[in-house]
Each structure stands twice: as C-alpha cells, then as structure tokens.
Amino acid sequence: MAFSKQQLHKFADLIKIDIQDEKLEQMNIDSVVEWLDKIQQIDTAGIEPMLNPAQHPLPRRADVVTDGGIRDAVLANSPDKAGVSRGYFAVPKVMDGD
C-alpha cells in the first residue's frame, strides 16, 4: 500500500508533527505499513490477551527499619569534623538565642 505525499502530510497534521518533503522522501513508510499488515494476519484465535507482561510478582524484601550500618562512612564526608566524633554533623548556627 503506497501513500501519497498528501496523505502523509494529512497524517502528520493529525498527529501534530511537522515533516518536510525531504524527510518524507527519506522515510520508508510503506515498509512499516506492510509489516503492520503482516502482524494483523497472525491468527490469534484461542489466545488469551495478556493484561500484564509481568505475570509473576517481583520478589520483595522485608520492610525493616535499620540504621543503615554505614554511619561512619556517611560522617566521613562531613566538611566540619567537630561533631563526627560524637556521631552527628556539625552545622553553623542559624538562629540567635534572643
């Protein structure tokens, strides 16, 4: 099935894209349509539609709260080492006590 330039421009307008004539000549739209026609001819009688491509549930891990076990590694990135020995980040004071 061959499409005319006019038909292809109409399709492009319907799907809200702008295609120049030079690009249309480079595209091989007819081969895509032929391929889609071949797919339409496949006999799917008796085959149940697939509602979800992942038929098996994903394995899940237990939702357990931990401290992460990497406190020292995280604190090693602190630019101010003042609080590291006590197990926290030291930050500049942001409020006055007045």
C-alpha atoms as a PDB file:
ATOM      1  CA  MET A   1       0.000   0.000   0.000  1.00  0.00           C
ATOM      2  CA  ALA A   2       1.657   3.195  -1.154  1.00  0.00           C
ATOM      3  CA  PHE A   3       0.838   6.529   0.435  1.00  0.00           C
ATOM      4  CA  SER A   4       0.904   9.801  -1.431  1.00  0.00           C
ATOM      5  CA  LYS A   5       2.708  12.843  -0.043  1.00  0.00           C
ATOM      6  CA  GLN A   6      -0.679  14.460   0.503  1.00  0.00           C
ATOM      7  CA  GLN A   7      -1.860  11.531   2.643  1.00  0.00           C
ATOM      8  CA  LEU A   8       1.358  11.529   4.661  1.00  0.00           C
ATOM      9  CA  HIS A   9       1.069  15.277   5.292  1.00  0.00           C
ATOM     10  CA  LYS A  10      -2.527  14.754   6.424  1.00  0.00           C
ATOM     11  CA  PHE A  11      -1.376  12.029   8.852  1.00  0.00           C
ATOM     12  CA  ALA A  12       1.362  14.323  10.127  1.00  0.00           C
ATOM     13  CA  ASP A  13      -1.167  17.104  10.694  1.00  0.00           C
ATOM     14  CA  LEU A  14      -3.454  14.722  12.588  1.00  0.00           C
ATOM     15  CA  ILE A  15      -0.678  13.672  14.960  1.00  0.00           C
ATOM     16  CA  LYS A  16       0.605  17.245  15.232  1.00  0.00           C
ATOM     17  CA  ILE A  17       4.072  16.850  13.742  1.00  0.00           C
ATOM     18  CA  ASP A  18       5.742  18.846  11.000  1.00  0.00           C
ATOM     19  CA  ILE A  19       7.573  16.816   8.351  1.00  0.00           C
ATOM     20  CA  GLN A  20       9.337  18.426   5.432  1.00  0.00           C
ATOM     21  CA  ASP A  21       9.085  16.896   1.926  1.00  0.00           C
ATOM     22  CA  GLU A  22      12.789  15.992   2.000  1.00  0.00           C
ATOM     23  CA  LYS A  23      12.262  13.900   5.122  1.00  0.00           C
ATOM     24  CA  LEU A  24       9.191  12.186   3.648  1.00  0.00           C
ATOM     25  CA  GLU A  25      11.241  11.008   0.702  1.00  0.00           C
ATOM     26  CA  GLN A  26      13.858   9.507   3.068  1.00  0.00           C
ATOM     27  CA  MET A  27      11.279   7.695   5.186  1.00  0.00           C
ATOM     28  CA  ASN A  28      10.209   4.222   4.151  1.00  0.00           C
ATOM     29  CA  ILE A  29       6.655   4.406   5.490  1.00  0.00           C
ATOM     30  CA  ASP A  30       5.309   1.775   3.079  1.00  0.00           C
ATOM     31  CA  SER A  31       7.554  -0.957   4.521  1.00  0.00           C
ATOM     32  CA  VAL A  32       6.304  -0.174   8.035  1.00  0.00           C
ATOM     33  CA  VAL A  33       2.689  -0.411   6.899  1.00  0.00           C
ATOM     34  CA  GLU A  34       3.417  -3.714   5.114  1.00  0.00           C
ATOM     35  CA  TRP A  35       4.980  -5.053   8.315  1.00  0.00           C
ATOM     36  CA  LEU A  36       1.921  -3.993  10.319  1.00  0.00           C
ATOM     37  CA  ASP A  37      -0.333  -5.721   7.775  1.00  0.00           C
ATOM     38  CA  LYS A  38       1.644  -8.941   8.280  1.00  0.00           C
ATOM     39  CA  ILE A  39       1.165  -8.670  12.033  1.00  0.00           C
ATOM     40  CA  GLN A  40      -2.587  -8.198  11.535  1.00  0.00           C
ATOM     41  CA  GLN A  41      -2.708 -11.513   9.631  1.00  0.00           C
ATOM     42  CA  ILE A  42      -1.385 -13.564  12.556  1.00  0.00           C
ATOM     43  CA  ASP A  43      -4.022 -16.000  13.831  1.00  0.00           C
ATOM     44  CA  THR A  44      -4.603 -15.212  17.496  1.00  0.00           C
ATOM     45  CA  ALA A  45      -7.790 -17.258  17.922  1.00  0.00           C
ATOM     46  CA  GLY A  46      -7.838 -19.037  21.250  1.00  0.00           C
ATOM     47  CA  ILE A  47      -5.034 -16.956  22.754  1.00  0.00           C
ATOM     48  CA  GLU A  48      -5.943 -15.123  25.929  1.00  0.00           C
ATOM     49  CA  PRO A  49      -4.998 -11.416  25.887  1.00  0.00           C
ATOM     50  CA  MET A  50      -2.039 -10.539  28.084  1.00  0.00           C
ATOM     51  CA  LEU A  51      -3.107  -7.892  30.571  1.00  0.00           C
ATOM     52  CA  ASN A  52       0.256  -7.564  32.249  1.00  0.00           C
ATOM     53  CA  PRO A  53       3.631  -8.532  30.753  1.00  0.00           C
ATOM     54  CA  ALA A  54       4.947  -9.372  34.214  1.00  0.00           C
ATOM     55  CA  GLN A  55       2.843 -12.392  35.149  1.00  0.00           C
ATOM     56  CA  HIS A  56       4.939 -13.159  38.216  1.00  0.00           C
ATOM     57  CA  PRO A  57       5.151 -10.815  41.159  1.00  0.00           C
ATOM     58  CA  LEU A  58       8.546  -9.340  41.882  1.00  0.00           C
ATOM     59  CA  PRO A  59      10.379 -10.722  44.893  1.00  0.00           C
ATOM     60  CA  ARG A  60      10.064  -8.399  47.833  1.00  0.00           C
ATOM     61  CA  ARG A  61      12.350  -7.915  50.769  1.00  0.00           C
ATOM     62  CA  ALA A  62      11.137  -7.366  54.293  1.00  0.00           C
ATOM     63  CA  ASP A  63      10.495  -3.725  55.149  1.00  0.00           C
ATOM     64  CA  VAL A  64      12.762  -3.497  58.184  1.00  0.00           C
ATOM     65  CA  VAL A  65      13.961  -0.198  59.620  1.00  0.00           C
ATOM     66  CA  THR A  66      17.696  -0.146  60.309  1.00  0.00           C
ATOM     67  CA  ASP A  67      20.309   2.495  60.943  1.00  0.00           C
ATOM     68  CA  GLY A  68      21.943   1.563  57.645  1.00  0.00           C
ATOM     69  CA  GLY A  69      25.139   0.414  59.327  1.00  0.00           C
ATOM     70  CA  ILE A  70      27.224   2.986  57.478  1.00  0.00           C
ATOM     71  CA  ARG A  71      27.124   5.924  59.887  1.00  0.00           C
ATOM     72  CA  ASP A  72      30.900   6.305  59.978  1.00  0.00           C
ATOM     73  CA  ALA A  73      31.170   6.239  56.179  1.00  0.00           C
ATOM     74  CA  VAL A  74      28.495   8.942  55.887  1.00  0.00           C
ATOM     75  CA  LEU A  75      30.050  11.119  58.584  1.00  0.00           C
ATOM     76  CA  ALA A  76      33.440  10.838  56.864  1.00  0.00           C
ATOM     77  CA  ASN A  77      32.016  13.143  54.156  1.00  0.00           C
ATOM     78  CA  SER A  78      31.395  15.938  56.663  1.00  0.00           C
ATOM     79  CA  PRO A  79      33.323  19.140  55.888  1.00  0.00           C
ATOM     80  CA  ASP A  80      33.305  20.105  59.582  1.00  0.00           C
ATOM     81  CA  LYS A  81      34.792  17.286  61.676  1.00  0.00           C
ATOM     82  CA  ALA A  82      33.707  18.849  65.011  1.00  0.00           C
ATOM     83  CA  GLY A  83      30.662  16.622  65.512  1.00  0.00           C
ATOM     84  CA  VAL A  84      31.922  13.492  63.788  1.00  0.00           C
ATOM     85  CA  SER A  85      33.449  12.001  66.929  1.00  0.00           C
ATOM     86  CA  ARG A  86      30.049  12.369  68.647  1.00  0.00           C
ATOM     87  CA  GLY A  87      28.137  10.845  65.737  1.00  0.00           C
ATOM     88  CA  TYR A  88      26.488  13.863  64.124  1.00  0.00           C
ATOM     89  CA  PHE A  89      27.065  16.609  61.565  1.00  0.00           C
ATOM     90  CA  ALA A  90      28.120  19.984  62.972  1.00  0.00           C
ATOM     91  CA  VAL A  91      26.384  22.863  61.175  1.00  0.00           C
ATOM     92  CA  PRO A  92      26.684  26.616  61.565  1.00  0.00           C
ATOM     93  CA  LYS A  93      24.314  28.345  63.928  1.00  0.00           C
ATOM     94  CA  VAL A  94      21.327  29.725  62.013  1.00  0.00           C
ATOM     95  CA  MET A  95      19.297  31.405  64.764  1.00  0.00           C
ATOM     96  CA  ASP A  96      20.165  33.766  67.581  1.00  0.00           C
ATOM     97  CA  GLY A  97      19.079  32.925  71.098  1.00  0.00           C
ATOM     98  CA  ASP A  98      17.469  36.345  71.663  1.00  0.00           C
END
